[in-house]
Amino acid sequence: MSRANVIAVGMIDARFDCIRKGDNSAQVFAETSMAMEMAYALGAIDDTEFSHYKKRYYRLYQVHAEASMAEIWRSTP
């Protein structure tokens, strides 16, 4: 692994950790997406890593969206 890859993976994983720990803000999701896109665009991560991160991101985003929708449904009269 190159130094750029180690740094990029660390940045991406740090944002995934924030989401897993409960920070489901739009800002953290945006930062996660941006970190993945920038790392891929700069060649710090390859196609396989990028695909893996996108799948993880979409799974976490889906869980968050479903929880948000459930909360909305619970709060409606």
PDB file of N, CA and C in Angstrom:
ATOM      1  N   MET A   1       0.830  -1.187   0.000  1.00  0.00           N
ATOM      2  CA  MET A   1       0.000   0.000   0.000  1.00  0.00           C
ATOM      3  C   MET A   1       0.867   1.240   0.000  1.00  0.00           C
ATOM      4  N   SER A   2       0.424   2.191  -0.762  1.00  0.00           N
ATOM      5  CA  SER A   2       1.159   3.451  -0.803  1.00  0.00           C
ATOM      6  C   SER A   2       0.779   4.323   0.398  1.00  0.00           C
ATOM      7  N   ARG A   3       1.559   5.318   0.619  1.00  0.00           N
ATOM      8  CA  ARG A   3       1.269   6.257   1.711  1.00  0.00           C
ATOM      9  C   ARG A   3      -0.062   6.953   1.464  1.00  0.00           C
ATOM     10  N   ALA A   4      -0.332   7.315   0.209  1.00  0.00           N
ATOM     11  CA  ALA A   4      -1.598   7.971  -0.139  1.00  0.00           C
ATOM     12  C   ALA A   4      -2.778   7.053   0.165  1.00  0.00           C
ATOM     13  N   ASN A   5      -2.622   5.755  -0.108  1.00  0.00           N
ATOM     14  CA  ASN A   5      -3.688   4.808   0.168  1.00  0.00           C
ATOM     15  C   ASN A   5      -3.943   4.703   1.671  1.00  0.00           C
ATOM     16  N   VAL A   6      -2.901   4.631   2.447  1.00  0.00           N
ATOM     17  CA  VAL A   6      -3.038   4.525   3.905  1.00  0.00           C
ATOM     18  C   VAL A   6      -3.759   5.749   4.457  1.00  0.00           C
ATOM     19  N   ILE A   7      -3.387   6.923   3.989  1.00  0.00           N
ATOM     20  CA  ILE A   7      -4.028   8.162   4.450  1.00  0.00           C
ATOM     21  C   ILE A   7      -5.492   8.187   4.024  1.00  0.00           C
ATOM     22  N   ALA A   8      -5.760   7.858   2.765  1.00  0.00           N
ATOM     23  CA  ALA A   8      -7.129   7.890   2.250  1.00  0.00           C
ATOM     24  C   ALA A   8      -8.023   6.904   2.994  1.00  0.00           C
ATOM     25  N   VAL A   9      -7.540   5.690   3.174  1.00  0.00           N
ATOM     26  CA  VAL A   9      -8.324   4.676   3.882  1.00  0.00           C
ATOM     27  C   VAL A   9      -8.579   5.118   5.320  1.00  0.00           C
ATOM     28  N   GLY A  10      -7.598   5.721   5.948  1.00  0.00           N
ATOM     29  CA  GLY A  10      -7.778   6.233   7.316  1.00  0.00           C
ATOM     30  C   GLY A  10      -8.843   7.309   7.385  1.00  0.00           C
ATOM     31  N   MET A  11      -8.837   8.207   6.415  1.00  0.00           N
ATOM     32  CA  MET A  11      -9.842   9.276   6.387  1.00  0.00           C
ATOM     33  C   MET A  11     -11.242   8.718   6.173  1.00  0.00           C
ATOM     34  N   ILE A  12     -11.357   7.790   5.251  1.00  0.00           N
ATOM     35  CA  ILE A  12     -12.665   7.199   4.956  1.00  0.00           C
ATOM     36  C   ILE A  12     -13.160   6.393   6.150  1.00  0.00           C
ATOM     37  N   ASP A  13     -12.306   5.562   6.700  1.00  0.00           N
ATOM     38  CA  ASP A  13     -12.710   4.731   7.835  1.00  0.00           C
ATOM     39  C   ASP A  13     -13.083   5.570   9.062  1.00  0.00           C
ATOM     40  N   ALA A  14     -12.409   6.686   9.260  1.00  0.00           N
ATOM     41  CA  ALA A  14     -12.741   7.563  10.384  1.00  0.00           C
ATOM     42  C   ALA A  14     -14.168   8.096  10.255  1.00  0.00           C
ATOM     43  N   ARG A  15     -14.586   8.407   9.042  1.00  0.00           N
ATOM     44  CA  ARG A  15     -15.950   8.893   8.833  1.00  0.00           C
ATOM     45  C   ARG A  15     -16.968   7.768   8.984  1.00  0.00           C
ATOM     46  N   PHE A  16     -16.621   6.568   8.524  1.00  0.00           N
ATOM     47  CA  PHE A  16     -17.509   5.429   8.753  1.00  0.00           C
ATOM     48  C   PHE A  16     -17.660   5.165  10.251  1.00  0.00           C
ATOM     49  N   ASP A  17     -16.581   5.323  11.005  1.00  0.00           N
ATOM     50  CA  ASP A  17     -16.654   5.137  12.458  1.00  0.00           C
ATOM     51  C   ASP A  17     -17.611   6.146  13.088  1.00  0.00           C
ATOM     52  N   CYS A  18     -17.574   7.380  12.627  1.00  0.00           N
ATOM     53  CA  CYS A  18     -18.498   8.400  13.143  1.00  0.00           C
ATOM     54  C   CYS A  18     -19.948   7.992  12.892  1.00  0.00           C
ATOM     55  N   ILE A  19     -20.223   7.497  11.704  1.00  0.00           N
ATOM     56  CA  ILE A  19     -21.588   7.079  11.368  1.00  0.00           C
ATOM     57  C   ILE A  19     -21.993   5.888  12.235  1.00  0.00           C
ATOM     58  N   ARG A  20     -21.095   4.916  12.374  1.00  0.00           N
ATOM     59  CA  ARG A  20     -21.409   3.740  13.191  1.00  0.00           C
ATOM     60  C   ARG A  20     -21.637   4.102  14.650  1.00  0.00           C
ATOM     61  N   LYS A  21     -20.970   5.144  15.124  1.00  0.00           N
ATOM     62  CA  LYS A  21     -21.121   5.563  16.518  1.00  0.00           C
ATOM     63  C   LYS A  21     -22.353   6.430  16.730  1.00  0.00           C
ATOM     64  N   GLY A  22     -23.120   6.675  15.653  1.00  0.00           N
ATOM     65  CA  GLY A  22     -24.384   7.380  15.813  1.00  0.00           C
ATOM     66  C   GLY A  22     -24.456   8.777  15.236  1.00  0.00           C
ATOM     67  N   ASP A  23     -23.380   9.285  14.694  1.00  0.00           N
ATOM     68  CA  ASP A  23     -23.433  10.611  14.067  1.00  0.00           C
ATOM     69  C   ASP A  23     -23.990  10.450  12.659  1.00  0.00           C
ATOM     70  N   ASN A  24     -25.295  10.591  12.547  1.00  0.00           N
ATOM     71  CA  ASN A  24     -25.967  10.398  11.272  1.00  0.00           C
ATOM     72  C   ASN A  24     -26.327  11.719  10.610  1.00  0.00           C
ATOM     73  N   SER A  25     -25.522  12.727  10.862  1.00  0.00           N
ATOM     74  CA  SER A  25     -25.806  14.034  10.279  1.00  0.00           C
ATOM     75  C   SER A  25     -25.516  14.030   8.778  1.00  0.00           C
ATOM     76  N   ALA A  26     -26.199  14.920   8.088  1.00  0.00           N
ATOM     77  CA  ALA A  26     -25.979  15.050   6.647  1.00  0.00           C
ATOM     78  C   ALA A  26     -24.527  15.418   6.362  1.00  0.00           C
ATOM     79  N   GLN A  27     -23.916  16.185   7.255  1.00  0.00           N
ATOM     80  CA  GLN A  27     -22.535  16.604   7.057  1.00  0.00           C
ATOM     81  C   GLN A  27     -21.581  15.411   7.048  1.00  0.00           C
ATOM     82  N   VAL A  28     -21.755  14.476   7.972  1.00  0.00           N
ATOM     83  CA  VAL A  28     -20.854  13.325   8.025  1.00  0.00           C
ATOM     84  C   VAL A  28     -21.058  12.434   6.803  1.00  0.00           C
ATOM     85  N   PHE A  29     -22.308  12.269   6.376  1.00  0.00           N
ATOM     86  CA  PHE A  29     -22.545  11.484   5.163  1.00  0.00           C
ATOM     87  C   PHE A  29     -21.894  12.164   3.960  1.00  0.00           C
ATOM     88  N   ALA A  30     -21.996  13.489   3.888  1.00  0.00           N
ATOM     89  CA  ALA A  30     -21.380  14.222   2.780  1.00  0.00           C
ATOM     90  C   ALA A  30     -19.860  14.116   2.830  1.00  0.00           C
ATOM     91  N   GLU A  31     -19.280  14.228   4.024  1.00  0.00           N
ATOM     92  CA  GLU A  31     -17.827  14.109   4.168  1.00  0.00           C
ATOM     93  C   GLU A  31     -17.351  12.710   3.770  1.00  0.00           C
ATOM     94  N   THR A  32     -18.124  11.700   4.138  1.00  0.00           N
ATOM     95  CA  THR A  32     -17.769  10.323   3.791  1.00  0.00           C
ATOM     96  C   THR A  32     -17.763  10.146   2.280  1.00  0.00           C
ATOM     97  N   SER A  33     -18.821  10.616   1.650  1.00  0.00           N
ATOM     98  CA  SER A  33     -18.919  10.518   0.194  1.00  0.00           C
ATOM     99  C   SER A  33     -17.775  11.287  -0.473  1.00  0.00           C
ATOM    100  N   MET A  34     -17.501  12.475   0.011  1.00  0.00           N
ATOM    101  CA  MET A  34     -16.436  13.300  -0.561  1.00  0.00           C
ATOM    102  C   MET A  34     -15.080  12.633  -0.383  1.00  0.00           C
ATOM    103  N   ALA A  35     -14.833  12.048   0.781  1.00  0.00           N
ATOM    104  CA  ALA A  35     -13.552  11.377   1.020  1.00  0.00           C
ATOM    105  C   ALA A  35     -13.366  10.212   0.054  1.00  0.00           C
ATOM    106  N   MET A  36     -14.441   9.451  -0.169  1.00  0.00           N
ATOM    107  CA  MET A  36     -14.345   8.321  -1.103  1.00  0.00           C
ATOM    108  C   MET A  36     -14.097   8.812  -2.526  1.00  0.00           C
ATOM    109  N   GLU A  37     -14.863   9.793  -2.950  1.00  0.00           N
ATOM    110  CA  GLU A  37     -14.748  10.306  -4.316  1.00  0.00           C
ATOM    111  C   GLU A  37     -13.375  10.921  -4.571  1.00  0.00           C
ATOM    112  N   MET A  38     -12.884  11.705  -3.625  1.00  0.00           N
ATOM    113  CA  MET A  38     -11.576  12.346  -3.792  1.00  0.00           C
ATOM    114  C   MET A  38     -10.457  11.308  -3.822  1.00  0.00           C
ATOM    115  N   ALA A  39     -10.518  10.333  -2.923  1.00  0.00           N
ATOM    116  CA  ALA A  39      -9.481   9.299  -2.890  1.00  0.00           C
ATOM    117  C   ALA A  39      -9.451   8.531  -4.205  1.00  0.00           C
ATOM    118  N   TYR A  40     -10.625   8.246  -4.735  1.00  0.00           N
ATOM    119  CA  TYR A  40     -10.699   7.510  -6.003  1.00  0.00           C
ATOM    120  C   TYR A  40     -10.206   8.380  -7.155  1.00  0.00           C
ATOM    121  N   ALA A  41     -10.644   9.626  -7.178  1.00  0.00           N
ATOM    122  CA  ALA A  41     -10.252  10.531  -8.264  1.00  0.00           C
ATOM    123  C   ALA A  41      -8.743  10.770  -8.289  1.00  0.00           C
ATOM    124  N   LEU A  42      -8.125  10.788  -7.130  1.00  0.00           N
ATOM    125  CA  LEU A  42      -6.681  11.017  -7.050  1.00  0.00           C
ATOM    126  C   LEU A  42      -5.859   9.736  -7.190  1.00  0.00           C
ATOM    127  N   GLY A  43      -6.545   8.602  -7.303  1.00  0.00           N
ATOM    128  CA  GLY A  43      -5.839   7.336  -7.475  1.00  0.00           C
ATOM    129  C   GLY A  43      -5.309   6.743  -6.187  1.00  0.00           C
ATOM    130  N   ALA A  44      -5.756   7.252  -5.045  1.00  0.00           N
ATOM    131  CA  ALA A  44      -5.286   6.721  -3.767  1.00  0.00           C
ATOM    132  C   ALA A  44      -5.949   5.389  -3.429  1.00  0.00           C
ATOM    133  N   ILE A  45      -7.163   5.167  -3.961  1.00  0.00           N
ATOM    134  CA  ILE A  45      -7.814   3.867  -3.825  1.00  0.00           C
ATOM    135  C   ILE A  45      -8.167   3.374  -5.226  1.00  0.00           C
ATOM    136  N   ASP A  46      -8.193   2.054  -5.377  1.00  0.00           N
ATOM    137  CA  ASP A  46      -8.472   1.486  -6.692  1.00  0.00           C
ATOM    138  C   ASP A  46      -9.973   1.190  -6.858  1.00  0.00           C
ATOM    139  N   ASP A  47     -10.324   0.625  -7.997  1.00  0.00           N
ATOM    140  CA  ASP A  47     -11.724   0.336  -8.311  1.00  0.00           C
ATOM    141  C   ASP A  47     -12.363  -0.593  -7.277  1.00  0.00           C
ATOM    142  N   THR A  48     -11.635  -1.607  -6.859  1.00  0.00           N
ATOM    143  CA  THR A  48     -12.168  -2.575  -5.908  1.00  0.00           C
ATOM    144  C   THR A  48     -12.453  -1.919  -4.564  1.00  0.00           C
ATOM    145  N   GLU A  49     -11.512  -1.137  -4.082  1.00  0.00           N
ATOM    146  CA  GLU A  49     -11.713  -0.442  -2.810  1.00  0.00           C
ATOM    147  C   GLU A  49     -12.867   0.550  -2.914  1.00  0.00           C
ATOM    148  N   PHE A  50     -12.918   1.287  -4.003  1.00  0.00           N
ATOM    149  CA  PHE A  50     -13.975   2.272  -4.196  1.00  0.00           C
ATOM    150  C   PHE A  50     -15.340   1.586  -4.199  1.00  0.00           C
ATOM    151  N   SER A  51     -15.454   0.483  -4.913  1.00  0.00           N
ATOM    152  CA  SER A  51     -16.710  -0.261  -4.965  1.00  0.00           C
ATOM    153  C   SER A  51     -17.106  -0.764  -3.581  1.00  0.00           C
ATOM    154  N   HIS A  52     -16.137  -1.273  -2.844  1.00  0.00           N
ATOM    155  CA  HIS A  52     -16.389  -1.761  -1.482  1.00  0.00           C
ATOM    156  C   HIS A  52     -16.905  -0.630  -0.594  1.00  0.00           C
ATOM    157  N   TYR A  53     -16.256   0.530  -0.643  1.00  0.00           N
ATOM    158  CA  TYR A  53     -16.671   1.665   0.179  1.00  0.00           C
ATOM    159  C   TYR A  53     -18.050   2.179  -0.220  1.00  0.00           C
ATOM    160  N   LYS A  54     -18.331   2.212  -1.516  1.00  0.00           N
ATOM    161  CA  LYS A  54     -19.644   2.679  -1.965  1.00  0.00           C
ATOM    162  C   LYS A  54     -20.750   1.757  -1.464  1.00  0.00           C
ATOM    163  N   LYS A  55     -20.500   0.446  -1.499  1.00  0.00           N
ATOM    164  CA  LYS A  55     -21.502  -0.499  -0.996  1.00  0.00           C
ATOM    165  C   LYS A  55     -21.731  -0.295   0.489  1.00  0.00           C
ATOM    166  N   ARG A  56     -20.671  -0.126   1.254  1.00  0.00           N
ATOM    167  CA  ARG A  56     -20.815   0.134   2.697  1.00  0.00           C
ATOM    168  C   ARG A  56     -21.575   1.422   2.942  1.00  0.00           C
ATOM    169  N   TYR A  57     -21.220   2.447   2.181  1.00  0.00           N
ATOM    170  CA  TYR A  57     -21.857   3.755   2.328  1.00  0.00           C
ATOM    171  C   TYR A  57     -23.360   3.651   2.063  1.00  0.00           C
ATOM    172  N   TYR A  58     -23.727   3.006   0.965  1.00  0.00           N
ATOM    173  CA  TYR A  58     -25.140   2.901   0.617  1.00  0.00           C
ATOM    174  C   TYR A  58     -25.910   2.061   1.631  1.00  0.00           C
ATOM    175  N   ARG A  59     -25.289   1.019   2.191  1.00  0.00           N
ATOM    176  CA  ARG A  59     -25.961   0.235   3.232  1.00  0.00           C
ATOM    177  C   ARG A  59     -26.213   1.094   4.473  1.00  0.00           C
ATOM    178  N   LEU A  60     -25.211   1.836   4.903  1.00  0.00           N
ATOM    179  CA  LEU A  60     -25.381   2.708   6.070  1.00  0.00           C
ATOM    180  C   LEU A  60     -26.406   3.802   5.800  1.00  0.00           C
ATOM    181  N   TYR A  61     -26.371   4.353   4.595  1.00  0.00           N
ATOM    182  CA  TYR A  61     -27.323   5.396   4.233  1.00  0.00           C
ATOM    183  C   TYR A  61     -28.747   4.842   4.233  1.00  0.00           C
ATOM    184  N   GLN A  62     -28.915   3.628   3.724  1.00  0.00           N
ATOM    185  CA  GLN A  62     -30.233   3.003   3.688  1.00  0.00           C
ATOM    186  C   GLN A  62     -30.753   2.760   5.107  1.00  0.00           C
ATOM    187  N   VAL A  63     -29.906   2.251   5.982  1.00  0.00           N
ATOM    188  CA  VAL A  63     -30.307   2.020   7.373  1.00  0.00           C
ATOM    189  C   VAL A  63     -30.733   3.337   8.017  1.00  0.00           C
ATOM    190  N   HIS A  64     -29.959   4.388   7.787  1.00  0.00           N
ATOM    191  CA  HIS A  64     -30.284   5.700   8.340  1.00  0.00           C
ATOM    192  C   HIS A  64     -31.611   6.216   7.780  1.00  0.00           C
ATOM    193  N   ALA A  65     -31.818   6.078   6.489  1.00  0.00           N
ATOM    194  CA  ALA A  65     -33.056   6.550   5.859  1.00  0.00           C
ATOM    195  C   ALA A  65     -34.264   5.773   6.379  1.00  0.00           C
ATOM    196  N   GLU A  66     -34.119   4.466   6.517  1.00  0.00           N
ATOM    197  CA  GLU A  66     -35.225   3.662   7.036  1.00  0.00           C
ATOM    198  C   GLU A  66     -35.552   4.032   8.479  1.00  0.00           C
ATOM    199  N   ALA A  67     -34.536   4.271   9.285  1.00  0.00           N
ATOM    200  CA  ALA A  67     -34.767   4.680  10.672  1.00  0.00           C
ATOM    201  C   ALA A  67     -35.443   6.048  10.724  1.00  0.00           C
ATOM    202  N   SER A  68     -35.035   6.946   9.851  1.00  0.00           N
ATOM    203  CA  SER A  68     -35.656   8.273   9.801  1.00  0.00           C
ATOM    204  C   SER A  68     -37.123   8.175   9.399  1.00  0.00           C
ATOM    205  N   MET A  69     -37.399   7.347   8.404  1.00  0.00           N
ATOM    206  CA  MET A  69     -38.787   7.167   7.968  1.00  0.00           C
ATOM    207  C   MET A  69     -39.633   6.525   9.063  1.00  0.00           C
ATOM    208  N   ALA A  70     -39.072   5.564   9.764  1.00  0.00           N
ATOM    209  CA  ALA A  70     -39.797   4.927  10.872  1.00  0.00           C
ATOM    210  C   ALA A  70     -40.128   5.951  11.958  1.00  0.00           C
ATOM    211  N   GLU A  71     -39.191   6.833  12.229  1.00  0.00           N
ATOM    212  CA  GLU A  71     -39.416   7.889  13.224  1.00  0.00           C
ATOM    213  C   GLU A  71     -40.523   8.837  12.778  1.00  0.00           C
ATOM    214  N   ILE A  72     -40.535   9.165  11.508  1.00  0.00           N
ATOM    215  CA  ILE A  72     -41.592  10.038  10.973  1.00  0.00           C
ATOM    216  C   ILE A  72     -42.944   9.356  11.094  1.00  0.00           C
ATOM    217  N   TRP A  73     -43.010   8.086  10.732  1.00  0.00           N
ATOM    218  CA  TRP A  73     -44.279   7.353  10.827  1.00  0.00           C
ATOM    219  C   TRP A  73     -44.754   7.227  12.265  1.00  0.00           C
ATOM    220  N   ARG A  74     -43.814   7.048  13.202  1.00  0.00           N
ATOM    221  CA  ARG A  74     -44.203   6.950  14.612  1.00  0.00           C
ATOM    222  C   ARG A  74     -44.745   8.267  15.126  1.00  0.00           C
ATOM    223  N   SER A  75     -44.254   9.374  14.602  1.00  0.00           N
ATOM    224  CA  SER A  75     -44.669  10.685  15.117  1.00  0.00           C
ATOM    225  C   SER A  75     -45.933  11.231  14.474  1.00  0.00           C
ATOM    226  N   THR A  76     -46.441  10.584  13.429  1.00  0.00           N
ATOM    227  CA  THR A  76     -47.661  11.068  12.781  1.00  0.00           C
ATOM    228  C   THR A  76     -48.877  10.562  13.556  1.00  0.00           C
ATOM    229  N   PRO A  77     -49.884  11.408  13.641  1.00  0.00           N
ATOM    230  CA  PRO A  77     -51.093  10.995  14.402  1.00  0.00           C
ATOM    231  C   PRO A  77     -51.899   9.943  13.686  1.00  0.00           C
TER     232      PRO A  77
END
